Amino acid sequence: MRDIDYGHIRIKLKDIMEKQNVSINRLACRAEMQRTQLKAYMNEDIQRIDLCVLARICYVLECELDELITYERP
């Protein structure tokens, strides 16, 4: 079986947080999430994306899903 590069999904949470000057502590509190879980999203170290988590992040940061995640072609 040969390896195929399908591209990847980019999570731009860290960029949005910096742009809005929102700390991880503030986002964790408002989105009712653990800091460790948010750090994984910020570092794009996620294997399976949780849609409920994305909805909470978008709600708190007042952003659209396409601002938060993008598909990057190979």
N, C-alpha and C. Protein backbone atom coordinates (compact mmCIF):
# COMPACT_ATOMS: atom_id res chain seq x y z
N MET A 1 0.85 -1.18 0.00
CA MET A 1 0.00 0.00 0.00
C MET A 1 0.89 1.24 0.00
N ARG A 2 0.61 2.15 -0.86
CA ARG A 2 1.43 3.36 -0.93
C ARG A 2 0.85 4.47 -0.08
N ASP A 3 1.72 5.35 0.39
CA ASP A 3 1.27 6.48 1.19
C ASP A 3 0.77 7.59 0.28
N ILE A 4 -0.40 8.10 0.59
CA ILE A 4 -1.00 9.19 -0.18
C ILE A 4 -1.14 10.38 0.73
N ASP A 5 -0.70 11.54 0.25
CA ASP A 5 -0.83 12.77 1.03
C ASP A 5 -2.19 13.38 0.69
N TYR A 6 -3.10 13.33 1.64
CA TYR A 6 -4.45 13.87 1.45
C TYR A 6 -4.57 15.31 1.92
N GLY A 7 -3.48 15.88 2.40
CA GLY A 7 -3.54 17.21 2.98
C GLY A 7 -3.85 17.07 4.46
N HIS A 8 -4.22 18.19 5.09
CA HIS A 8 -4.55 18.12 6.51
C HIS A 8 -5.51 19.24 6.91
N ILE A 9 -6.10 19.05 8.07
CA ILE A 9 -7.00 20.05 8.65
C ILE A 9 -6.20 20.93 9.58
N ARG A 10 -6.33 22.21 9.43
CA ARG A 10 -5.62 23.16 10.31
C ARG A 10 -6.62 23.79 11.27
N ILE A 11 -6.28 23.78 12.55
CA ILE A 11 -7.10 24.42 13.58
C ILE A 11 -6.42 25.72 13.95
N LYS A 12 -7.11 26.83 13.71
CA LYS A 12 -6.50 28.16 13.90
C LYS A 12 -6.91 28.81 15.22
N LEU A 13 -7.15 27.99 16.24
CA LEU A 13 -7.59 28.50 17.53
C LEU A 13 -6.58 29.47 18.14
N LYS A 14 -5.32 29.11 18.11
CA LYS A 14 -4.29 29.96 18.69
C LYS A 14 -4.25 31.34 18.02
N ASP A 15 -4.38 31.37 16.71
CA ASP A 15 -4.38 32.63 15.96
C ASP A 15 -5.57 33.51 16.37
N ILE A 16 -6.74 32.90 16.47
CA ILE A 16 -7.95 33.65 16.83
C ILE A 16 -7.84 34.19 18.25
N MET A 17 -7.34 33.36 19.15
CA MET A 17 -7.19 33.79 20.54
C MET A 17 -6.24 34.98 20.64
N GLU A 18 -5.13 34.91 19.91
CA GLU A 18 -4.17 36.02 19.92
C GLU A 18 -4.78 37.28 19.34
N LYS A 19 -5.51 37.13 18.25
CA LYS A 19 -6.14 38.27 17.59
C LYS A 19 -7.15 38.96 18.51
N GLN A 20 -7.90 38.14 19.28
CA GLN A 20 -8.92 38.69 20.17
C GLN A 20 -8.39 38.96 21.58
N ASN A 21 -7.12 38.66 21.81
CA ASN A 21 -6.48 38.85 23.11
C ASN A 21 -7.24 38.10 24.22
N VAL A 22 -7.54 36.83 23.95
CA VAL A 22 -8.24 35.97 24.90
C VAL A 22 -7.24 34.96 25.45
N SER A 23 -7.16 34.87 26.76
CA SER A 23 -6.24 33.92 27.40
C SER A 23 -6.86 32.53 27.43
N ILE A 24 -6.00 31.54 27.59
CA ILE A 24 -6.48 30.17 27.68
C ILE A 24 -7.35 29.98 28.92
N ASN A 25 -7.01 30.66 30.00
CA ASN A 25 -7.82 30.54 31.22
C ASN A 25 -9.23 31.09 31.01
N ARG A 26 -9.31 32.22 30.35
CA ARG A 26 -10.61 32.84 30.10
C ARG A 26 -11.46 31.97 29.17
N LEU A 27 -10.85 31.48 28.11
CA LEU A 27 -11.59 30.63 27.17
C LEU A 27 -12.03 29.33 27.85
N ALA A 28 -11.15 28.74 28.63
CA ALA A 28 -11.49 27.50 29.33
C ALA A 28 -12.68 27.70 30.25
N CYS A 29 -12.69 28.81 30.96
CA CYS A 29 -13.79 29.11 31.88
C CYS A 29 -15.09 29.34 31.12
N ARG A 30 -15.05 30.18 30.10
CA ARG A 30 -16.27 30.53 29.36
C ARG A 30 -16.81 29.37 28.53
N ALA A 31 -15.93 28.54 27.99
CA ALA A 31 -16.35 27.41 27.17
C ALA A 31 -16.56 26.14 28.00
N GLU A 32 -16.31 26.25 29.29
CA GLU A 32 -16.45 25.11 30.20
C GLU A 32 -15.66 23.91 29.72
N MET A 33 -14.36 24.15 29.51
CA MET A 33 -13.44 23.13 29.02
C MET A 33 -12.21 23.08 29.90
N GLN A 34 -11.51 21.97 29.85
CA GLN A 34 -10.23 21.84 30.53
C GLN A 34 -9.15 22.56 29.73
N ARG A 35 -8.21 23.17 30.44
CA ARG A 35 -7.10 23.85 29.76
C ARG A 35 -6.29 22.87 28.91
N THR A 36 -6.12 21.64 29.40
CA THR A 36 -5.34 20.66 28.64
C THR A 36 -6.01 20.32 27.31
N GLN A 37 -7.34 20.27 27.32
CA GLN A 37 -8.06 20.01 26.08
C GLN A 37 -7.90 21.18 25.12
N LEU A 38 -8.00 22.40 25.63
CA LEU A 38 -7.82 23.58 24.78
C LEU A 38 -6.40 23.64 24.23
N LYS A 39 -5.43 23.30 25.05
CA LYS A 39 -4.03 23.31 24.58
C LYS A 39 -3.84 22.35 23.42
N ALA A 40 -4.50 21.20 23.48
CA ALA A 40 -4.41 20.24 22.38
C ALA A 40 -4.97 20.83 21.09
N TYR A 41 -6.09 21.54 21.20
CA TYR A 41 -6.66 22.21 20.02
C TYR A 41 -5.74 23.34 19.54
N MET A 42 -5.18 24.09 20.48
CA MET A 42 -4.29 25.20 20.11
C MET A 42 -3.03 24.70 19.40
N ASN A 43 -2.52 23.54 19.84
CA ASN A 43 -1.30 22.98 19.25
C ASN A 43 -1.58 22.04 18.08
N GLU A 44 -2.84 21.97 17.69
CA GLU A 44 -3.28 21.12 16.58
C GLU A 44 -2.86 19.68 16.81
N ASP A 45 -2.99 19.23 18.05
CA ASP A 45 -2.61 17.89 18.45
C ASP A 45 -3.87 17.06 18.73
N ILE A 46 -4.81 17.09 17.80
CA ILE A 46 -6.10 16.42 17.95
C ILE A 46 -6.22 15.33 16.89
N GLN A 47 -6.65 14.16 17.30
CA GLN A 47 -6.87 13.06 16.36
C GLN A 47 -8.32 13.04 15.88
N ARG A 48 -9.25 13.29 16.81
CA ARG A 48 -10.67 13.30 16.48
C ARG A 48 -11.29 14.59 16.99
N ILE A 49 -11.90 15.32 16.11
CA ILE A 49 -12.49 16.60 16.47
C ILE A 49 -13.88 16.38 17.05
N ASP A 50 -14.15 17.01 18.16
CA ASP A 50 -15.45 16.95 18.83
C ASP A 50 -16.28 18.15 18.38
N LEU A 51 -17.39 17.90 17.71
CA LEU A 51 -18.22 18.99 17.18
C LEU A 51 -18.81 19.85 18.28
N CYS A 52 -19.13 19.27 19.42
CA CYS A 52 -19.65 20.06 20.55
C CYS A 52 -18.59 21.03 21.06
N VAL A 53 -17.36 20.58 21.10
CA VAL A 53 -16.26 21.45 21.52
C VAL A 53 -16.10 22.60 20.54
N LEU A 54 -16.13 22.30 19.25
CA LEU A 54 -16.00 23.36 18.24
C LEU A 54 -17.14 24.37 18.36
N ALA A 55 -18.33 23.88 18.63
CA ALA A 55 -19.49 24.77 18.78
C ALA A 55 -19.28 25.70 19.97
N ARG A 56 -18.80 25.17 21.09
CA ARG A 56 -18.56 26.01 22.26
C ARG A 56 -17.49 27.05 22.00
N ILE A 57 -16.42 26.64 21.33
CA ILE A 57 -15.33 27.58 21.02
C ILE A 57 -15.84 28.69 20.11
N CYS A 58 -16.57 28.32 19.06
CA CYS A 58 -17.11 29.32 18.13
C CYS A 58 -18.07 30.27 18.86
N TYR A 59 -18.89 29.74 19.74
CA TYR A 59 -19.83 30.57 20.50
C TYR A 59 -19.10 31.59 21.36
N VAL A 60 -18.12 31.12 22.12
CA VAL A 60 -17.39 32.00 23.04
C VAL A 60 -16.56 33.03 22.27
N LEU A 61 -15.91 32.61 21.21
CA LEU A 61 -15.05 33.53 20.45
C LEU A 61 -15.82 34.32 19.39
N GLU A 62 -17.12 34.04 19.26
CA GLU A 62 -17.97 34.69 18.28
C GLU A 62 -17.34 34.64 16.88
N CYS A 63 -16.99 33.41 16.49
CA CYS A 63 -16.41 33.22 15.16
C CYS A 63 -17.17 32.13 14.44
N GLU A 64 -16.95 32.02 13.16
CA GLU A 64 -17.57 30.99 12.34
C GLU A 64 -16.64 29.78 12.26
N LEU A 65 -17.20 28.64 11.99
CA LEU A 65 -16.41 27.42 11.92
C LEU A 65 -15.32 27.50 10.86
N ASP A 66 -15.62 28.12 9.72
CA ASP A 66 -14.61 28.22 8.66
C ASP A 66 -13.48 29.18 9.02
N GLU A 67 -13.64 29.99 10.05
CA GLU A 67 -12.56 30.82 10.55
C GLU A 67 -11.66 29.99 11.48
N LEU A 68 -12.24 28.98 12.11
CA LEU A 68 -11.53 28.19 13.10
C LEU A 68 -10.77 27.01 12.48
N ILE A 69 -11.37 26.36 11.50
CA ILE A 69 -10.69 25.22 10.87
C ILE A 69 -10.69 25.39 9.35
N THR A 70 -9.61 24.92 8.74
CA THR A 70 -9.48 24.96 7.29
C THR A 70 -8.85 23.66 6.81
N TYR A 71 -9.13 23.32 5.58
CA TYR A 71 -8.49 22.17 4.94
C TYR A 71 -7.37 22.70 4.06
N GLU A 72 -6.17 22.13 4.24
CA GLU A 72 -5.03 22.53 3.42
C GLU A 72 -4.64 21.37 2.52
N ARG A 73 -4.70 21.62 1.23
CA ARG A 73 -4.36 20.61 0.24
C ARG A 73 -2.87 20.30 0.28
N PRO A 74 -2.50 19.09 -0.17
CA PRO A 74 -1.06 18.73 -0.19
C PRO A 74 -0.29 19.56 -1.18
